[in-house]
Amino acid sequence: MTKLIAFDLDFTLLDTKKNVSPENLRVLAKAASLGIEIVPVTGRVWSAVPEAVKGMKFVRYAVTLNGAEIYDVRNAKVLGRCLLPLERAVTLARVFEDLGVVYDFIAEGQGWMRRELYDRIESVSDGEWQTNIMKTSRKPVDDFFGKMNEYPDGVQKMQIYTRDKDLRANLLNALPVVFPHALFTSSVPNNIEINDPSANKGEGLKFIAEYLKIPMTATMAFGDGLNDLEMIRSAGIGVAMGNACTELLEIADHVTSDCDHDGVAEGIKTFCRGIDD
């Protein structure tokens, strides 16, 4: 019996217009009323999560920053953090600087970006929705490396943004070879996300399940992107969206409809009894 439902946001729970459909909301609320824990699992910082998700009164916990932060929503309390060591983060940032891409880092839930790169956000974003997220959850800074050094224990996440598809593909292949002590994933077509290897959505899901004393066999997870792979592997039932990347489709236990056709609701109704009783 499923006791915890986890889901990615962008292109999973959220449709391509970044809305939560009435049917997805109805089914999640019904599942919560049956005692099932509802947990958003996202690469975003909590402050950048849409109000439609923040307004779900039945959400008690969230996994953010790809597992780098476990957040108690109701008590506004961080339950756990996993950091990429500062030395590694600085080394990566210097490499990104030479590549001519837009990049950033996030620490203690706040994103930072070199000022001249902040001014280029629109040129690399995937649309107005992403531009708004990046500009509101990042702050421009003149001394980027000086700001990084203000976090001696390390950073939670770094990101690269580029609309050059060939460069992105080459970097996704090359960077893990050169930097094996960092995890490189992606959630949208124009980004690469970097975390400590211990910070992934699968580990975040395990943290919440253990915290709530729920066996992993009683968990269900939905995702669409590369940064959802570990979560889909780890869940008792791993569900890929119809619009998921090939890598996710290959390992999922089940494939549901796409994000524009209530795929999360459909998947829940497939495996959870009592939703439409």
C-alpha atoms as a PDB file:
ATOM      1  CA  MET A   1       0.000   0.000   0.000  1.00  0.00           C
ATOM      2  CA  THR A   2       1.345   3.421  -0.984  1.00  0.00           C
ATOM      3  CA  LYS A   3       1.968   5.716   1.991  1.00  0.00           C
ATOM      4  CA  LEU A   4       4.050   8.453   0.341  1.00  0.00           C
ATOM      5  CA  ILE A   5       3.725  10.079  -3.093  1.00  0.00           C
ATOM      6  CA  ALA A   6       6.663  12.179  -4.320  1.00  0.00           C
ATOM      7  CA  PHE A   7       6.696  14.211  -7.505  1.00  0.00           C
ATOM      8  CA  ASP A   8       8.943  16.500  -9.489  1.00  0.00           C
ATOM      9  CA  LEU A   9       7.466  19.882 -10.415  1.00  0.00           C
ATOM     10  CA  ASP A  10       8.505  21.181 -13.834  1.00  0.00           C
ATOM     11  CA  PHE A  11       7.032  19.102 -16.676  1.00  0.00           C
ATOM     12  CA  THR A  12       5.707  16.576 -14.129  1.00  0.00           C
ATOM     13  CA  LEU A  13       3.126  18.011 -11.731  1.00  0.00           C
ATOM     14  CA  LEU A  14       3.260  21.376 -13.515  1.00  0.00           C
ATOM     15  CA  ASP A  15       2.053  21.451 -17.098  1.00  0.00           C
ATOM     16  CA  THR A  16       3.946  23.228 -19.879  1.00  0.00           C
ATOM     17  CA  LYS A  17       2.294  26.507 -18.834  1.00  0.00           C
ATOM     18  CA  LYS A  18       3.538  25.969 -15.249  1.00  0.00           C
ATOM     19  CA  ASN A  19       0.078  25.385 -13.804  1.00  0.00           C
ATOM     20  CA  VAL A  20      -1.273  22.606 -11.574  1.00  0.00           C
ATOM     21  CA  SER A  21      -4.325  21.139 -13.268  1.00  0.00           C
ATOM     22  CA  PRO A  22      -7.587  20.855 -11.299  1.00  0.00           C
ATOM     23  CA  GLU A  23      -7.502  17.066 -11.702  1.00  0.00           C
ATOM     24  CA  ASN A  24      -3.944  16.744 -10.372  1.00  0.00           C
ATOM     25  CA  LEU A  25      -4.881  18.927  -7.415  1.00  0.00           C
ATOM     26  CA  ARG A  26      -8.087  16.977  -6.749  1.00  0.00           C
ATOM     27  CA  VAL A  27      -6.362  13.605  -6.786  1.00  0.00           C
ATOM     28  CA  LEU A  28      -3.469  14.757  -4.587  1.00  0.00           C
ATOM     29  CA  ALA A  29      -5.931  16.208  -2.065  1.00  0.00           C
ATOM     30  CA  LYS A  30      -7.896  12.959  -2.072  1.00  0.00           C
ATOM     31  CA  ALA A  31      -4.724  10.920  -1.554  1.00  0.00           C
ATOM     32  CA  ALA A  32      -3.768  13.162   1.356  1.00  0.00           C
ATOM     33  CA  SER A  33      -7.226  12.694   2.894  1.00  0.00           C
ATOM     34  CA  LEU A  34      -6.563   8.938   2.825  1.00  0.00           C
ATOM     35  CA  GLY A  35      -3.439   9.448   4.921  1.00  0.00           C
ATOM     36  CA  ILE A  36      -0.880   9.388   2.110  1.00  0.00           C
ATOM     37  CA  GLU A  37       2.056  11.777   2.573  1.00  0.00           C
ATOM     38  CA  ILE A  38       2.392  14.213  -0.377  1.00  0.00           C
ATOM     39  CA  VAL A  39       5.965  15.406  -1.007  1.00  0.00           C
ATOM     40  CA  PRO A  40       7.177  17.785  -3.747  1.00  0.00           C
ATOM     41  CA  VAL A  41      10.727  16.875  -4.854  1.00  0.00           C
ATOM     42  CA  THR A  42      12.320  19.598  -6.941  1.00  0.00           C
ATOM     43  CA  GLY A  43      15.551  21.131  -8.144  1.00  0.00           C
ATOM     44  CA  ARG A  44      14.199  24.551  -7.192  1.00  0.00           C
ATOM     45  CA  VAL A  45      14.762  26.367  -3.932  1.00  0.00           C
ATOM     46  CA  TRP A  46      11.593  26.446  -1.822  1.00  0.00           C
ATOM     47  CA  SER A  47      11.225  30.202  -2.360  1.00  0.00           C
ATOM     48  CA  ALA A  48      10.943  29.557  -6.134  1.00  0.00           C
ATOM     49  CA  VAL A  49       8.224  26.902  -5.821  1.00  0.00           C
ATOM     50  CA  PRO A  50       4.949  28.103  -7.410  1.00  0.00           C
ATOM     51  CA  GLU A  51       2.261  29.439  -5.104  1.00  0.00           C
ATOM     52  CA  ALA A  52      -0.110  26.752  -6.372  1.00  0.00           C
ATOM     53  CA  VAL A  53       2.143  24.153  -4.737  1.00  0.00           C
ATOM     54  CA  LYS A  54       2.967  26.208  -1.649  1.00  0.00           C
ATOM     55  CA  GLY A  55      -0.757  26.624  -1.120  1.00  0.00           C
ATOM     56  CA  MET A  56      -1.364  22.886  -0.805  1.00  0.00           C
ATOM     57  CA  LYS A  57      -2.229  22.679   2.892  1.00  0.00           C
ATOM     58  CA  PHE A  58      -1.643  18.924   2.912  1.00  0.00           C
ATOM     59  CA  VAL A  59       2.070  19.295   2.020  1.00  0.00           C
ATOM     60  CA  ARG A  60       4.180  18.986   5.193  1.00  0.00           C
ATOM     61  CA  TYR A  61       7.644  18.368   3.747  1.00  0.00           C
ATOM     62  CA  ALA A  62       9.551  19.088   0.567  1.00  0.00           C
ATOM     63  CA  VAL A  63      12.809  17.918  -0.954  1.00  0.00           C
ATOM     64  CA  THR A  64      14.463  20.867  -2.690  1.00  0.00           C
ATOM     65  CA  LEU A  65      17.645  21.604  -4.633  1.00  0.00           C
ATOM     66  CA  ASN A  66      17.736  18.003  -5.927  1.00  0.00           C
ATOM     67  CA  GLY A  67      18.013  16.668  -2.396  1.00  0.00           C
ATOM     68  CA  ALA A  68      20.518  19.202  -1.090  1.00  0.00           C
ATOM     69  CA  GLU A  69      17.877  20.563   1.299  1.00  0.00           C
ATOM     70  CA  ILE A  70      15.075  18.750   3.123  1.00  0.00           C
ATOM     71  CA  TYR A  71      12.487  21.271   4.252  1.00  0.00           C
ATOM     72  CA  ASP A  72       9.773  21.133   6.895  1.00  0.00           C
ATOM     73  CA  VAL A  73       7.198  23.344   5.182  1.00  0.00           C
ATOM     74  CA  ARG A  74       4.791  23.766   8.091  1.00  0.00           C
ATOM     75  CA  ASN A  75       7.454  24.793  10.580  1.00  0.00           C
ATOM     76  CA  ALA A  76       9.696  26.633   8.075  1.00  0.00           C
ATOM     77  CA  LYS A  77      12.609  24.516   9.253  1.00  0.00           C
ATOM     78  CA  VAL A  78      15.512  22.896   7.416  1.00  0.00           C
ATOM     79  CA  LEU A  79      15.758  19.235   8.397  1.00  0.00           C
ATOM     80  CA  GLY A  80      18.903  18.437   6.450  1.00  0.00           C
ATOM     81  CA  ARG A  81      21.435  19.846   4.004  1.00  0.00           C
ATOM     82  CA  CYS A  82      24.044  18.233   1.770  1.00  0.00           C
ATOM     83  CA  LEU A  83      26.835  20.478   0.516  1.00  0.00           C
ATOM     84  CA  LEU A  84      29.261  20.456  -2.382  1.00  0.00           C
ATOM     85  CA  PRO A  85      32.612  21.318  -0.708  1.00  0.00           C
ATOM     86  CA  LEU A  86      33.783  24.875  -1.330  1.00  0.00           C
ATOM     87  CA  GLU A  87      37.064  23.876  -2.986  1.00  0.00           C
ATOM     88  CA  ARG A  88      35.240  21.763  -5.565  1.00  0.00           C
ATOM     89  CA  ALA A  89      32.672  24.498  -6.160  1.00  0.00           C
ATOM     90  CA  VAL A  90      35.359  27.127  -6.765  1.00  0.00           C
ATOM     91  CA  THR A  91      37.218  24.837  -9.172  1.00  0.00           C
ATOM     92  CA  LEU A  92      34.026  24.191 -11.114  1.00  0.00           C
ATOM     93  CA  ALA A  93      33.149  27.891 -11.244  1.00  0.00           C
ATOM     94  CA  ARG A  94      36.554  28.705 -12.761  1.00  0.00           C
ATOM     95  CA  VAL A  95      35.958  26.070 -15.445  1.00  0.00           C
ATOM     96  CA  PHE A  96      32.501  27.469 -16.167  1.00  0.00           C
ATOM     97  CA  GLU A  97      34.006  30.941 -16.423  1.00  0.00           C
ATOM     98  CA  ASP A  98      36.308  29.772 -19.238  1.00  0.00           C
ATOM     99  CA  LEU A  99      33.374  28.165 -21.093  1.00  0.00           C
ATOM    100  CA  GLY A 100      31.547  31.462 -21.513  1.00  0.00           C
ATOM    101  CA  VAL A 101      28.288  30.088 -20.094  1.00  0.00           C
ATOM    102  CA  VAL A 102      25.941  31.641 -17.550  1.00  0.00           C
ATOM    103  CA  TYR A 103      26.381  29.950 -14.164  1.00  0.00           C
ATOM    104  CA  ASP A 104      25.504  30.403 -10.510  1.00  0.00           C
ATOM    105  CA  PHE A 105      25.626  28.835  -7.075  1.00  0.00           C
ATOM    106  CA  ILE A 106      23.079  28.405  -4.300  1.00  0.00           C
ATOM    107  CA  ALA A 107      23.928  28.353  -0.601  1.00  0.00           C
ATOM    108  CA  GLU A 108      21.594  28.437   2.392  1.00  0.00           C
ATOM    109  CA  GLY A 109      18.661  28.668  -0.006  1.00  0.00           C
ATOM    110  CA  GLN A 110      19.902  31.795  -1.799  1.00  0.00           C
ATOM    111  CA  GLY A 111      21.209  31.913  -5.364  1.00  0.00           C
ATOM    112  CA  TRP A 112      24.108  34.115  -6.453  1.00  0.00           C
ATOM    113  CA  MET A 113      25.303  35.085  -9.932  1.00  0.00           C
ATOM    114  CA  ARG A 114      28.050  37.302 -11.302  1.00  0.00           C
ATOM    115  CA  ARG A 115      26.420  40.631 -12.160  1.00  0.00           C
ATOM    116  CA  GLU A 116      27.284  40.605 -15.864  1.00  0.00           C
ATOM    117  CA  LEU A 117      25.861  37.073 -16.128  1.00  0.00           C
ATOM    118  CA  TYR A 118      22.713  38.094 -14.248  1.00  0.00           C
ATOM    119  CA  ASP A 119      22.198  40.737 -16.923  1.00  0.00           C
ATOM    120  CA  ARG A 120      22.348  37.975 -19.581  1.00  0.00           C
ATOM    121  CA  ILE A 121      19.688  35.743 -18.050  1.00  0.00           C
ATOM    122  CA  GLU A 122      17.089  36.379 -20.738  1.00  0.00           C
ATOM    123  CA  SER A 123      19.527  35.319 -23.467  1.00  0.00           C
ATOM    124  CA  VAL A 124      19.893  31.809 -22.009  1.00  0.00           C
ATOM    125  CA  SER A 125      16.534  31.182 -20.323  1.00  0.00           C
ATOM    126  CA  ASP A 126      13.956  28.653 -21.498  1.00  0.00           C
ATOM    127  CA  GLY A 127      11.190  31.224 -21.439  1.00  0.00           C
ATOM    128  CA  GLU A 128       9.579  33.896 -19.290  1.00  0.00           C
ATOM    129  CA  TRP A 129       8.788  31.399 -16.524  1.00  0.00           C
ATOM    130  CA  GLN A 130      12.474  30.540 -16.086  1.00  0.00           C
ATOM    131  CA  THR A 131      13.616  34.145 -16.423  1.00  0.00           C
ATOM    132  CA  ASN A 132      11.299  35.089 -13.548  1.00  0.00           C
ATOM    133  CA  ILE A 133      12.553  32.242 -11.360  1.00  0.00           C
ATOM    134  CA  MET A 134      16.194  33.030 -12.023  1.00  0.00           C
ATOM    135  CA  LYS A 135      15.847  36.749 -11.421  1.00  0.00           C
ATOM    136  CA  THR A 136      13.823  36.408  -8.229  1.00  0.00           C
ATOM    137  CA  SER A 137      15.811  33.574  -6.629  1.00  0.00           C
ATOM    138  CA  ARG A 138      19.297  34.814  -7.597  1.00  0.00           C
ATOM    139  CA  LYS A 139      21.060  37.981  -6.592  1.00  0.00           C
ATOM    140  CA  PRO A 140      23.735  39.713  -8.700  1.00  0.00           C
ATOM    141  CA  VAL A 141      27.135  40.132  -7.075  1.00  0.00           C
ATOM    142  CA  ASP A 142      30.323  41.873  -8.234  1.00  0.00           C
ATOM    143  CA  ASP A 143      32.779  39.630  -6.397  1.00  0.00           C
ATOM    144  CA  PHE A 144      31.483  36.150  -7.214  1.00  0.00           C
ATOM    145  CA  PHE A 145      34.354  34.187  -5.688  1.00  0.00           C
ATOM    146  CA  GLY A 146      34.395  36.448  -2.660  1.00  0.00           C
ATOM    147  CA  LYS A 147      30.728  35.606  -2.135  1.00  0.00           C
ATOM    148  CA  MET A 148      31.460  31.879  -2.486  1.00  0.00           C
ATOM    149  CA  ASN A 149      34.110  32.159   0.211  1.00  0.00           C
ATOM    150  CA  GLU A 150      31.436  33.404   2.611  1.00  0.00           C
ATOM    151  CA  TYR A 151      30.216  29.784   2.688  1.00  0.00           C
ATOM    152  CA  PRO A 152      33.312  27.867   3.881  1.00  0.00           C
ATOM    153  CA  ASP A 153      31.375  24.616   4.399  1.00  0.00           C
ATOM    154  CA  GLY A 154      30.329  24.553   0.759  1.00  0.00           C
ATOM    155  CA  VAL A 155      27.360  25.273  -1.512  1.00  0.00           C
ATOM    156  CA  GLN A 156      24.108  23.409  -2.046  1.00  0.00           C
ATOM    157  CA  LYS A 157      23.951  23.537  -5.814  1.00  0.00           C
ATOM    158  CA  MET A 158      25.461  25.072  -8.941  1.00  0.00           C
ATOM    159  CA  GLN A 159      23.954  25.440 -12.399  1.00  0.00           C
ATOM    160  CA  ILE A 160      25.050  26.133 -15.957  1.00  0.00           C
ATOM    161  CA  TYR A 161      22.705  27.700 -18.486  1.00  0.00           C
ATOM    162  CA  THR A 162      23.227  27.613 -22.246  1.00  0.00           C
ATOM    163  CA  ARG A 163      20.986  27.415 -25.303  1.00  0.00           C
ATOM    164  CA  ASP A 164      23.780  25.745 -27.257  1.00  0.00           C
ATOM    165  CA  LYS A 165      22.438  22.178 -27.360  1.00  0.00           C
ATOM    166  CA  ASP A 166      25.692  20.676 -28.629  1.00  0.00           C
ATOM    167  CA  LEU A 167      27.737  22.352 -25.890  1.00  0.00           C
ATOM    168  CA  ARG A 168      25.282  21.194 -23.237  1.00  0.00           C
ATOM    169  CA  ALA A 169      25.356  17.607 -24.518  1.00  0.00           C
ATOM    170  CA  ASN A 170      29.161  17.591 -24.659  1.00  0.00           C
ATOM    171  CA  LEU A 171      29.423  18.984 -21.135  1.00  0.00           C
ATOM    172  CA  LEU A 172      26.978  16.422 -19.746  1.00  0.00           C
ATOM    173  CA  ASN A 173      29.257  13.725 -21.145  1.00  0.00           C
ATOM    174  CA  ALA A 174      32.630  15.275 -20.293  1.00  0.00           C
ATOM    175  CA  LEU A 175      32.171  16.922 -16.899  1.00  0.00           C
ATOM    176  CA  PRO A 176      31.431  13.708 -14.920  1.00  0.00           C
ATOM    177  CA  VAL A 177      34.656  12.210 -16.275  1.00  0.00           C
ATOM    178  CA  VAL A 178      36.787  15.211 -15.288  1.00  0.00           C
ATOM    179  CA  PHE A 179      34.971  15.805 -11.993  1.00  0.00           C
ATOM    180  CA  PRO A 180      33.872  12.396 -10.631  1.00  0.00           C
ATOM    181  CA  HIS A 181      33.232  13.851  -7.170  1.00  0.00           C
ATOM    182  CA  ALA A 182      30.276  15.933  -8.343  1.00  0.00           C
ATOM    183  CA  LEU A 183      26.868  14.913  -9.692  1.00  0.00           C
ATOM    184  CA  PHE A 184      25.790  16.412 -13.033  1.00  0.00           C
ATOM    185  CA  THR A 185      22.128  16.227 -14.021  1.00  0.00           C
ATOM    186  CA  SER A 186      19.550  18.304 -15.879  1.00  0.00           C
ATOM    187  CA  SER A 187      15.886  19.217 -15.534  1.00  0.00           C
ATOM    188  CA  VAL A 188      15.207  21.430 -18.563  1.00  0.00           C
ATOM    189  CA  PRO A 189      16.709  21.635 -22.080  1.00  0.00           C
ATOM    190  CA  ASN A 190      19.004  24.569 -21.341  1.00  0.00           C
ATOM    191  CA  ASN A 191      20.606  23.680 -18.016  1.00  0.00           C
ATOM    192  CA  ILE A 192      23.072  21.459 -16.207  1.00  0.00           C
ATOM    193  CA  GLU A 193      22.670  21.055 -12.441  1.00  0.00           C
ATOM    194  CA  ILE A 194      25.587  20.238 -10.153  1.00  0.00           C
ATOM    195  CA  ASN A 195      25.336  18.802  -6.654  1.00  0.00           C
ATOM    196  CA  ASP A 196      27.421  16.755  -4.300  1.00  0.00           C
ATOM    197  CA  PRO A 197      26.965  13.071  -5.264  1.00  0.00           C
ATOM    198  CA  SER A 198      25.104  12.487  -1.983  1.00  0.00           C
ATOM    199  CA  ALA A 199      22.567  15.164  -2.892  1.00  0.00           C
ATOM    200  CA  ASN A 200      20.107  13.614  -5.299  1.00  0.00           C
ATOM    201  CA  LYS A 201      16.361  13.184  -5.327  1.00  0.00           C
ATOM    202  CA  GLY A 202      16.621   9.495  -4.509  1.00  0.00           C
ATOM    203  CA  GLU A 203      18.522  10.208  -1.302  1.00  0.00           C
ATOM    204  CA  GLY A 204      16.078  12.996  -0.519  1.00  0.00           C
ATOM    205  CA  LEU A 205      13.165  10.610  -0.871  1.00  0.00           C
ATOM    206  CA  LYS A 206      14.911   8.075   1.368  1.00  0.00           C
ATOM    207  CA  PHE A 207      15.517  10.781   4.000  1.00  0.00           C
ATOM    208  CA  ILE A 208      11.831  11.727   4.139  1.00  0.00           C
ATOM    209  CA  ALA A 209      10.667   8.108   4.125  1.00  0.00           C
ATOM    210  CA  GLU A 210      12.999   7.225   6.994  1.00  0.00           C
ATOM    211  CA  TYR A 211      12.048  10.391   8.876  1.00  0.00           C
ATOM    212  CA  LEU A 212       8.373   9.392   8.632  1.00  0.00           C
ATOM    213  CA  LYS A 213       9.126   5.702   9.237  1.00  0.00           C
ATOM    214  CA  ILE A 214       7.676   4.729   5.868  1.00  0.00           C
ATOM    215  CA  PRO A 215       9.310   1.789   4.032  1.00  0.00           C
ATOM    216  CA  MET A 216      10.616   2.617   0.560  1.00  0.00           C
ATOM    217  CA  THR A 217       8.418  -0.141  -0.822  1.00  0.00           C
ATOM    218  CA  ALA A 218       5.430   2.012   0.166  1.00  0.00           C
ATOM    219  CA  THR A 219       6.588   5.052  -1.827  1.00  0.00           C
ATOM    220  CA  MET A 220       5.611   6.211  -5.310  1.00  0.00           C
ATOM    221  CA  ALA A 221       7.482   8.840  -7.324  1.00  0.00           C
ATOM    222  CA  PHE A 222       6.851  10.756 -10.555  1.00  0.00           C
ATOM    223  CA  GLY A 223       9.450  12.462 -12.744  1.00  0.00           C
ATOM    224  CA  ASP A 224      10.481  13.453 -16.250  1.00  0.00           C
ATOM    225  CA  GLY A 225      14.140  14.536 -16.281  1.00  0.00           C
ATOM    226  CA  LEU A 226      17.677  13.345 -15.709  1.00  0.00           C
ATOM    227  CA  ASN A 227      17.661  14.740 -12.180  1.00  0.00           C
ATOM    228  CA  ASP A 228      14.740  12.400 -11.381  1.00  0.00           C
ATOM    229  CA  LEU A 229      16.598   9.177 -12.221  1.00  0.00           C
ATOM    230  CA  GLU A 230      17.684   8.259  -8.683  1.00  0.00           C
ATOM    231  CA  MET A 231      14.247   9.028  -7.286  1.00  0.00           C
ATOM    232  CA  ILE A 232      12.505   6.828  -9.852  1.00  0.00           C
ATOM    233  CA  ARG A 233      15.011   4.032  -9.179  1.00  0.00           C
ATOM    234  CA  SER A 234      14.601   4.315  -5.403  1.00  0.00           C
ATOM    235  CA  ALA A 235      10.813   4.511  -5.146  1.00  0.00           C
ATOM    236  CA  GLY A 236       8.671   1.459  -4.555  1.00  0.00           C
ATOM    237  CA  ILE A 237       6.809   2.468  -7.730  1.00  0.00           C
ATOM    238  CA  GLY A 238       8.769   4.710 -10.090  1.00  0.00           C
ATOM    239  CA  VAL A 239       6.560   6.454 -12.643  1.00  0.00           C
ATOM    240  CA  ALA A 240       7.856   8.275 -15.733  1.00  0.00           C
ATOM    241  CA  MET A 241       5.768  10.959 -17.367  1.00  0.00           C
ATOM    242  CA  GLY A 242       4.809  10.445 -20.989  1.00  0.00           C
ATOM    243  CA  ASN A 243       7.055  13.411 -21.804  1.00  0.00           C
ATOM    244  CA  ALA A 244      10.031  12.011 -19.837  1.00  0.00           C
ATOM    245  CA  CYS A 245      13.547  11.707 -21.207  1.00  0.00           C
ATOM    246  CA  THR A 246      14.592   8.383 -22.720  1.00  0.00           C
ATOM    247  CA  GLU A 247      16.801   7.464 -19.772  1.00  0.00           C
ATOM    248  CA  LEU A 248      13.847   7.726 -17.386  1.00  0.00           C
ATOM    249  CA  LEU A 249      11.432   5.878 -19.643  1.00  0.00           C
ATOM    250  CA  GLU A 250      13.873   2.954 -19.767  1.00  0.00           C
ATOM    251  CA  ILE A 251      14.036   2.417 -15.994  1.00  0.00           C
ATOM    252  CA  ALA A 252      10.529   3.348 -14.820  1.00  0.00           C
ATOM    253  CA  ASP A 253       8.129   0.764 -13.439  1.00  0.00           C
ATOM    254  CA  HIS A 254       5.270   2.511 -15.207  1.00  0.00           C
ATOM    255  CA  VAL A 255       4.749   5.250 -17.808  1.00  0.00           C
ATOM    256  CA  THR A 256       1.798   7.597 -17.357  1.00  0.00           C
ATOM    257  CA  SER A 257       0.345  10.380 -19.528  1.00  0.00           C
ATOM    258  CA  ASP A 258       2.311  13.559 -20.136  1.00  0.00           C
ATOM    259  CA  CYS A 259       2.286  16.660 -17.958  1.00  0.00           C
ATOM    260  CA  ASP A 260      -0.398  18.337 -20.073  1.00  0.00           C
ATOM    261  CA  HIS A 261      -2.805  15.411 -19.638  1.00  0.00           C
ATOM    262  CA  ASP A 262      -2.921  14.901 -15.852  1.00  0.00           C
ATOM    263  CA  GLY A 263      -0.220  12.232 -15.816  1.00  0.00           C
ATOM    264  CA  VAL A 264       0.323  12.463 -12.062  1.00  0.00           C
ATOM    265  CA  ALA A 265      -3.386  12.026 -11.323  1.00  0.00           C
ATOM    266  CA  GLU A 266      -3.621   9.139 -13.779  1.00  0.00           C
ATOM    267  CA  GLY A 267      -0.665   7.356 -12.204  1.00  0.00           C
ATOM    268  CA  ILE A 268      -2.017   7.751  -8.686  1.00  0.00           C
ATOM    269  CA  LYS A 269      -5.427   6.399  -9.693  1.00  0.00           C
ATOM    270  CA  THR A 270      -3.720   3.428 -11.360  1.00  0.00           C
ATOM    271  CA  PHE A 271      -1.946   2.315  -8.191  1.00  0.00           C
ATOM    272  CA  CYS A 272      -3.834   3.755  -5.218  1.00  0.00           C
ATOM    273  CA  ARG A 273      -7.206   2.374  -4.208  1.00  0.00           C
ATOM    274  CA  GLY A 274      -9.985   4.581  -2.979  1.00  0.00           C
ATOM    275  CA  ILE A 275      -9.117   7.758  -4.915  1.00  0.00           C
ATOM    276  CA  ASP A 276     -12.403   7.843  -6.824  1.00  0.00           C
ATOM    277  CA  ASP A 277     -14.569   5.983  -4.299  1.00  0.00           C
END
